[in-house]
PDB file of N, CA and C in Angstrom:
ATOM      1  N   UNK A   1     201.788 122.061 132.251  1.00  0.00           N
ATOM      2  CA  UNK A   1     203.192 122.236 132.407  1.00  0.00           C
ATOM      3  C   UNK A   1     203.902 122.289 130.941  1.00  0.00           C
ATOM      4  N   UNK A   2     203.467 121.552 130.392  1.00  0.00           N
ATOM      5  CA  UNK A   2     203.983 121.324 129.098  1.00  0.00           C
ATOM      6  C   UNK A   2     203.466 122.608 128.036  1.00  0.00           C
ATOM      7  N   UNK A   3     202.374 123.259 128.215  1.00  0.00           N
ATOM      8  CA  UNK A   3     202.251 124.538 127.583  1.00  0.00           C
ATOM      9  C   UNK A   3     203.436 125.688 128.113  1.00  0.00           C
ATOM     10  N   UNK A   4     203.762 125.756 129.370  1.00  0.00           N
ATOM     11  CA  UNK A   4     204.576 126.549 129.836  1.00  0.00           C
ATOM     12  C   UNK A   4     205.957 126.558 129.047  1.00  0.00           C
ATOM     13  N   UNK A   5     206.321 125.286 129.218  1.00  0.00           N
ATOM     14  CA  UNK A   5     207.863 124.848 128.190  1.00  0.00           C
ATOM     15  C   UNK A   5     207.708 125.351 126.973  1.00  0.00           C
ATOM     16  N   UNK A   6     206.525 125.071 126.040  1.00  0.00           N
ATOM     17  CA  UNK A   6     206.501 125.423 124.964  1.00  0.00           C
ATOM     18  C   UNK A   6     206.783 126.844 124.613  1.00  0.00           C
ATOM     19  N   UNK A   7     206.325 127.641 125.333  1.00  0.00           N
ATOM     20  CA  UNK A   7     206.298 129.106 124.964  1.00  0.00           C
ATOM     21  C   UNK A   7     207.501 129.901 125.916  1.00  0.00           C
ATOM     22  N   UNK A   8     208.526 129.264 126.487  1.00  0.00           N
ATOM     23  CA  UNK A   8     209.368 129.847 127.180  1.00  0.00           C
ATOM     24  C   UNK A   8     210.253 130.717 126.785  1.00  0.00           C
ATOM     25  N   UNK A   9     210.242 131.016 125.433  1.00  0.00           N
ATOM     26  CA  UNK A   9     210.973 131.822 124.473  1.00  0.00           C
ATOM     27  C   UNK A   9     210.537 133.037 124.230  1.00  0.00           C
ATOM     28  N   UNK A  10     208.895 132.935 124.305  1.00  0.00           N
ATOM     29  CA  UNK A  10     208.164 134.155 124.067  1.00  0.00           C
ATOM     30  C   UNK A  10     208.403 135.179 124.941  1.00  0.00           C
ATOM     31  N   UNK A  11     208.872 136.491 124.684  1.00  0.00           N
ATOM     32  CA  UNK A  11     208.973 137.412 125.769  1.00  0.00           C
ATOM     33  C   UNK A  11     207.972 137.918 126.636  1.00  0.00           C
ATOM     34  N   UNK A  12     208.008 138.398 127.755  1.00  0.00           N
ATOM     35  CA  UNK A  12     206.986 138.931 128.334  1.00  0.00           C
ATOM     36  C   UNK A  12     207.423 139.289 129.695  1.00  0.00           C
ATOM     37  N   UNK A  13     206.391 140.024 130.695  1.00  0.00           N
ATOM     38  CA  UNK A  13     206.998 140.587 131.783  1.00  0.00           C
ATOM     39  C   UNK A  13     207.042 139.430 132.909  1.00  0.00           C
ATOM     40  N   UNK A  14     207.939 139.736 133.607  1.00  0.00           N
ATOM     41  CA  UNK A  14     208.386 138.494 134.857  1.00  0.00           C
ATOM     42  C   UNK A  14     206.738 138.278 135.799  1.00  0.00           C
ATOM     43  N   UNK A  15     206.239 137.045 135.649  1.00  0.00           N
ATOM     44  CA  UNK A  15     205.092 136.914 136.492  1.00  0.00           C
ATOM     45  C   UNK A  15     205.618 136.708 137.950  1.00  0.00           C
ATOM     46  N   UNK A  16     204.355 136.893 138.787  1.00  0.00           N
ATOM     47  CA  UNK A  16     204.844 136.760 140.303  1.00  0.00           C
ATOM     48  C   UNK A  16     204.076 135.361 140.633  1.00  0.00           C
ATOM     49  N   UNK A  17     204.458 134.969 141.555  1.00  0.00           N
ATOM     50  CA  UNK A  17     203.792 133.488 141.938  1.00  0.00           C
ATOM     51  C   UNK A  17     202.519 133.968 142.287  1.00  0.00           C
ATOM     52  N   UNK A  18     201.928 132.597 142.000  1.00  0.00           N
ATOM     53  CA  UNK A  18     200.219 132.673 142.240  1.00  0.00           C
ATOM     54  C   UNK A  18     199.394 133.613 141.391  1.00  0.00           C
ATOM     55  N   UNK A  19     199.631 134.959 141.389  1.00  0.00           N
ATOM     56  CA  UNK A  19     198.810 135.837 140.698  1.00  0.00           C
ATOM     57  C   UNK A  19     199.313 136.287 139.229  1.00  0.00           C
ATOM     58  N   UNK A  20     200.425 135.655 138.731  1.00  0.00           N
ATOM     59  CA  UNK A  20     200.976 136.033 137.257  1.00  0.00           C
ATOM     60  C   UNK A  20     201.305 137.311 137.473  1.00  0.00           C
ATOM     61  N   UNK A  21     200.671 137.852 136.018  1.00  0.00           N
ATOM     62  CA  UNK A  21     200.893 139.201 135.812  1.00  0.00           C
ATOM     63  C   UNK A  21     199.752 140.223 136.051  1.00  0.00           C
ATOM     64  N   UNK A  22     198.876 139.671 136.976  1.00  0.00           N
ATOM     65  CA  UNK A  22     197.492 140.310 137.318  1.00  0.00           C
ATOM     66  C   UNK A  22     197.684 141.787 137.822  1.00  0.00           C
ATOM     67  N   UNK A  23     198.976 141.882 138.634  1.00  0.00           N
ATOM     68  CA  UNK A  23     199.327 143.238 139.156  1.00  0.00           C
ATOM     69  C   UNK A  23     199.637 144.390 138.417  1.00  0.00           C
ATOM     70  N   UNK A  24     199.779 143.969 137.314  1.00  0.00           N
ATOM     71  CA  UNK A  24     199.863 144.922 136.078  1.00  0.00           C
ATOM     72  C   UNK A  24     198.683 145.786 135.691  1.00  0.00           C
ATOM     73  N   UNK A  25     197.486 145.052 136.042  1.00  0.00           N
ATOM     74  CA  UNK A  25     196.121 145.604 135.786  1.00  0.00           C
ATOM     75  C   UNK A  25     195.833 146.017 136.987  1.00  0.00           C
ATOM     76  N   UNK A  26     196.267 145.570 137.908  1.00  0.00           N
ATOM     77  CA  UNK A  26     195.783 146.267 139.352  1.00  0.00           C
ATOM     78  C   UNK A  26     196.356 147.781 139.573  1.00  0.00           C
ATOM     79  N   UNK A  27     197.360 147.871 139.205  1.00  0.00           N
ATOM     80  CA  UNK A  27     197.903 149.353 139.268  1.00  0.00           C
ATOM     81  C   UNK A  27     197.207 150.459 138.685  1.00  0.00           C
ATOM     82  N   UNK A  28     196.321 150.034 137.295  1.00  0.00           N
ATOM     83  CA  UNK A  28     195.561 151.010 136.789  1.00  0.00           C
ATOM     84  C   UNK A  28     194.261 150.971 137.088  1.00  0.00           C
ATOM     85  N   UNK A  29     193.744 150.068 138.246  1.00  0.00           N
ATOM     86  CA  UNK A  29     192.270 149.836 138.344  1.00  0.00           C
ATOM     87  C   UNK A  29     191.491 151.051 138.966  1.00  0.00           C
ATOM     88  N   UNK A  30     192.147 151.749 139.696  1.00  0.00           N
ATOM     89  CA  UNK A  30     191.373 152.827 140.484  1.00  0.00           C
ATOM     90  C   UNK A  30     191.252 154.222 139.416  1.00  0.00           C
ATOM     91  N   UNK A  31     192.026 153.972 138.225  1.00  0.00           N
ATOM     92  CA  UNK A  31     192.126 155.271 137.599  1.00  0.00           C
ATOM     93  C   UNK A  31     191.043 155.137 136.449  1.00  0.00           C
ATOM     94  N   UNK A  32     190.814 154.059 135.764  1.00  0.00           N
ATOM     95  CA  UNK A  32     190.135 153.772 134.548  1.00  0.00           C
ATOM     96  C   UNK A  32     188.983 152.902 134.575  1.00  0.00           C
ATOM     97  N   UNK A  33     188.041 152.838 133.678  1.00  0.00           N
ATOM     98  CA  UNK A  33     187.164 151.583 133.577  1.00  0.00           C
ATOM     99  C   UNK A  33     188.036 150.603 132.974  1.00  0.00           C
ATOM    100  N   UNK A  34     187.448 149.204 133.103  1.00  0.00           N
ATOM    101  CA  UNK A  34     188.134 148.195 132.984  1.00  0.00           C
ATOM    102  C   UNK A  34     188.592 148.076 131.488  1.00  0.00           C
ATOM    103  N   UNK A  35     187.885 148.574 130.468  1.00  0.00           N
ATOM    104  CA  UNK A  35     187.861 148.243 129.169  1.00  0.00           C
ATOM    105  C   UNK A  35     189.129 149.100 128.647  1.00  0.00           C
ATOM    106  N   UNK A  36     189.245 150.225 129.537  1.00  0.00           N
ATOM    107  CA  UNK A  36     190.684 151.211 129.127  1.00  0.00           C
ATOM    108  C   UNK A  36     191.587 150.839 129.891  1.00  0.00           C
ATOM    109  N   UNK A  37     191.582 149.886 130.961  1.00  0.00           N
ATOM    110  CA  UNK A  37     192.756 149.283 131.592  1.00  0.00           C
ATOM    111  C   UNK A  37     193.487 148.142 130.787  1.00  0.00           C
ATOM    112  N   UNK A  38     192.456 147.464 130.234  1.00  0.00           N
ATOM    113  CA  UNK A  38     192.999 146.160 129.421  1.00  0.00           C
ATOM    114  C   UNK A  38     193.703 147.158 128.392  1.00  0.00           C
ATOM    115  N   UNK A  39     193.098 147.854 127.509  1.00  0.00           N
ATOM    116  CA  UNK A  39     193.469 148.659 126.359  1.00  0.00           C
ATOM    117  C   UNK A  39     194.776 149.271 126.590  1.00  0.00           C
ATOM    118  N   UNK A  40     195.067 149.870 127.836  1.00  0.00           N
ATOM    119  CA  UNK A  40     196.493 150.535 128.221  1.00  0.00           C
ATOM    120  C   UNK A  40     197.543 149.610 128.640  1.00  0.00           C
ATOM    121  N   UNK A  41     197.056 148.575 129.238  1.00  0.00           N
ATOM    122  CA  UNK A  41     198.171 147.541 129.496  1.00  0.00           C
ATOM    123  C   UNK A  41     198.521 146.868 128.602  1.00  0.00           C
ATOM    124  N   UNK A  42     197.710 146.235 127.573  1.00  0.00           N
ATOM    125  CA  UNK A  42     198.201 145.631 126.396  1.00  0.00           C
ATOM    126  C   UNK A  42     199.040 146.771 125.559  1.00  0.00           C
ATOM    127  N   UNK A  43     198.333 147.919 125.362  1.00  0.00           N
ATOM    128  CA  UNK A  43     199.176 148.948 124.593  1.00  0.00           C
ATOM    129  C   UNK A  43     200.363 149.158 125.067  1.00  0.00           C
ATOM    130  N   UNK A  44     200.855 149.229 126.314  1.00  0.00           N
ATOM    131  CA  UNK A  44     201.922 149.286 127.090  1.00  0.00           C
ATOM    132  C   UNK A  44     203.149 148.271 126.621  1.00  0.00           C
ATOM    133  N   UNK A  45     202.439 146.790 126.597  1.00  0.00           N
ATOM    134  CA  UNK A  45     203.331 145.507 126.404  1.00  0.00           C
ATOM    135  C   UNK A  45     203.647 145.650 125.072  1.00  0.00           C
ATOM    136  N   UNK A  46     202.644 146.282 124.137  1.00  0.00           N
ATOM    137  CA  UNK A  46     202.860 145.981 122.656  1.00  0.00           C
ATOM    138  C   UNK A  46     203.945 146.960 122.478  1.00  0.00           C
ATOM    139  N   UNK A  47     203.984 148.132 122.976  1.00  0.00           N
ATOM    140  CA  UNK A  47     205.190 149.139 122.611  1.00  0.00           C
ATOM    141  C   UNK A  47     206.666 148.484 123.224  1.00  0.00           C
ATOM    142  N   UNK A  48     206.399 147.958 124.353  1.00  0.00           N
ATOM    143  CA  UNK A  48     207.705 147.478 124.936  1.00  0.00           C
ATOM    144  C   UNK A  48     208.270 146.265 124.137  1.00  0.00           C
ATOM    145  N   UNK A  49     207.372 145.408 123.410  1.00  0.00           N
ATOM    146  CA  UNK A  49     208.002 144.131 122.829  1.00  0.00           C
ATOM    147  C   UNK A  49     207.507 144.284 121.144  1.00  0.00           C
ATOM    148  N   UNK A  50     207.633 145.520 120.857  1.00  0.00           N
ATOM    149  CA  UNK A  50     207.022 145.616 119.480  1.00  0.00           C
ATOM    150  C   UNK A  50     208.132 145.228 118.654  1.00  0.00           C
ATOM    151  N   UNK A  51     209.389 145.190 118.909  1.00  0.00           N
ATOM    152  CA  UNK A  51     210.266 144.189 118.070  1.00  0.00           C
ATOM    153  C   UNK A  51     210.098 142.810 117.956  1.00  0.00           C
ATOM    154  N   UNK A  52     209.549 142.241 118.888  1.00  0.00           N
ATOM    155  CA  UNK A  52     209.361 140.758 118.999  1.00  0.00           C
ATOM    156  C   UNK A  52     208.244 140.427 118.342  1.00  0.00           C
ATOM    157  N   UNK A  53     207.276 141.266 118.288  1.00  0.00           N
ATOM    158  CA  UNK A  53     205.958 141.190 117.827  1.00  0.00           C
ATOM    159  C   UNK A  53     204.859 140.381 118.683  1.00  0.00           C
ATOM    160  N   UNK A  54     205.126 139.962 119.535  1.00  0.00           N
ATOM    161  CA  UNK A  54     204.349 139.081 120.648  1.00  0.00           C
ATOM    162  C   UNK A  54     205.037 139.215 121.829  1.00  0.00           C
ATOM    163  N   UNK A  55     204.079 138.758 123.197  1.00  0.00           N
ATOM    164  CA  UNK A  55     204.538 138.792 124.362  1.00  0.00           C
ATOM    165  C   UNK A  55     203.525 137.734 125.078  1.00  0.00           C
ATOM    166  N   UNK A  56     203.922 137.298 126.256  1.00  0.00           N
ATOM    167  CA  UNK A  56     203.284 136.345 127.178  1.00  0.00           C
ATOM    168  C   UNK A  56     202.861 137.063 128.438  1.00  0.00           C
ATOM    169  N   UNK A  57     201.799 136.895 128.657  1.00  0.00           N
ATOM    170  CA  UNK A  57     201.289 137.081 130.121  1.00  0.00           C
ATOM    171  C   UNK A  57     200.854 135.821 130.891  1.00  0.00           C
ATOM    172  N   UNK A  58     200.564 135.887 132.205  1.00  0.00           N
ATOM    173  CA  UNK A  58     200.086 134.959 133.068  1.00  0.00           C
ATOM    174  C   UNK A  58     198.978 135.763 133.702  1.00  0.00           C
ATOM    175  N   UNK A  59     198.013 135.004 133.772  1.00  0.00           N
ATOM    176  CA  UNK A  59     196.560 135.396 134.750  1.00  0.00           C
ATOM    177  C   UNK A  59     196.336 134.316 135.510  1.00  0.00           C
ATOM    178  N   UNK A  60     197.150 134.417 136.879  1.00  0.00           N
ATOM    179  CA  UNK A  60     197.087 133.274 137.706  1.00  0.00           C
ATOM    180  C   UNK A  60     198.206 132.274 137.080  1.00  0.00           C
ATOM    181  N   UNK A  61     197.558 131.328 136.914  1.00  0.00           N
ATOM    182  CA  UNK A  61     198.525 130.253 136.154  1.00  0.00           C
ATOM    183  C   UNK A  61     198.293 130.009 134.664  1.00  0.00           C
ATOM    184  N   UNK A  62     197.328 130.730 134.161  1.00  0.00           N
ATOM    185  CA  UNK A  62     196.774 130.573 132.777  1.00  0.00           C
ATOM    186  C   UNK A  62     197.749 131.445 131.788  1.00  0.00           C
ATOM    187  N   UNK A  63     198.246 130.757 130.818  1.00  0.00           N
ATOM    188  CA  UNK A  63     199.352 131.266 129.918  1.00  0.00           C
ATOM    189  C   UNK A  63     198.645 132.086 128.736  1.00  0.00           C
ATOM    190  N   UNK A  64     198.816 133.442 128.535  1.00  0.00           N
ATOM    191  CA  UNK A  64     198.216 134.235 127.126  1.00  0.00           C
ATOM    192  C   UNK A  64     199.258 134.561 126.483  1.00  0.00           C
ATOM    193  N   UNK A  65     199.430 134.032 125.330  1.00  0.00           N
ATOM    194  CA  UNK A  65     200.209 134.501 124.305  1.00  0.00           C
ATOM    195  C   UNK A  65     199.792 135.605 123.231  1.00  0.00           C
ATOM    196  N   UNK A  66     199.938 136.839 123.392  1.00  0.00           N
ATOM    197  CA  UNK A  66     199.426 137.917 122.783  1.00  0.00           C
ATOM    198  C   UNK A  66     200.168 138.083 121.102  1.00  0.00           C
ATOM    199  N   UNK A  67     199.895 138.059 120.092  1.00  0.00           N
ATOM    200  CA  UNK A  67     200.705 137.983 118.950  1.00  0.00           C
ATOM    201  C   UNK A  67     199.820 139.530 118.070  1.00  0.00           C
ATOM    202  N   UNK A  68     200.866 140.376 117.945  1.00  0.00           N
ATOM    203  CA  UNK A  68     199.963 141.673 117.308  1.00  0.00           C
ATOM    204  C   UNK A  68     201.106 142.142 116.015  1.00  0.00           C
ATOM    205  N   UNK A  69     201.880 141.046 115.681  1.00  0.00           N
ATOM    206  CA  UNK A  69     202.611 141.013 114.092  1.00  0.00           C
ATOM    207  C   UNK A  69     201.905 140.241 113.180  1.00  0.00           C
ATOM    208  N   UNK A  70     201.216 140.699 112.052  1.00  0.00           N
ATOM    209  CA  UNK A  70     200.507 139.623 111.156  1.00  0.00           C
ATOM    210  C   UNK A  70     201.525 138.830 110.734  1.00  0.00           C
ATOM    211  N   UNK A  71     202.808 138.766 110.695  1.00  0.00           N
ATOM    212  CA  UNK A  71     203.712 137.850 109.882  1.00  0.00           C
ATOM    213  C   UNK A  71     203.877 136.744 111.056  1.00  0.00           C
ATOM    214  N   UNK A  72     203.408 136.660 112.248  1.00  0.00           N
ATOM    215  CA  UNK A  72     203.400 135.670 113.229  1.00  0.00           C
ATOM    216  C   UNK A  72     202.239 134.806 113.339  1.00  0.00           C
ATOM    217  N   UNK A  73     201.076 135.424 112.836  1.00  0.00           N
ATOM    218  CA  UNK A  73     199.939 134.641 112.679  1.00  0.00           C
ATOM    219  C   UNK A  73     199.752 133.724 111.706  1.00  0.00           C
ATOM    220  N   UNK A  74     199.293 132.353 111.934  1.00  0.00           N
ATOM    221  CA  UNK A  74     199.101 131.467 110.692  1.00  0.00           C
ATOM    222  C   UNK A  74     197.998 130.710 111.047  1.00  0.00           C
TER     223      UNK A  74
END
């Protein structure tokens, strides 16, 4: 729980209870192979959050913070 509070100000799509943001990947699952699904979904979020340079996702209750602007990586 401490981990979630620490990243509360990182932008990202609103997760659903129990499954988090997995539904974002399932929408594409019938059309493409898994590697392309991941690439497409992450690309969409990178475009959506390009100003911020990072976003967070939840896979179930696991938090993932994806940083794609070099100035935020240390």
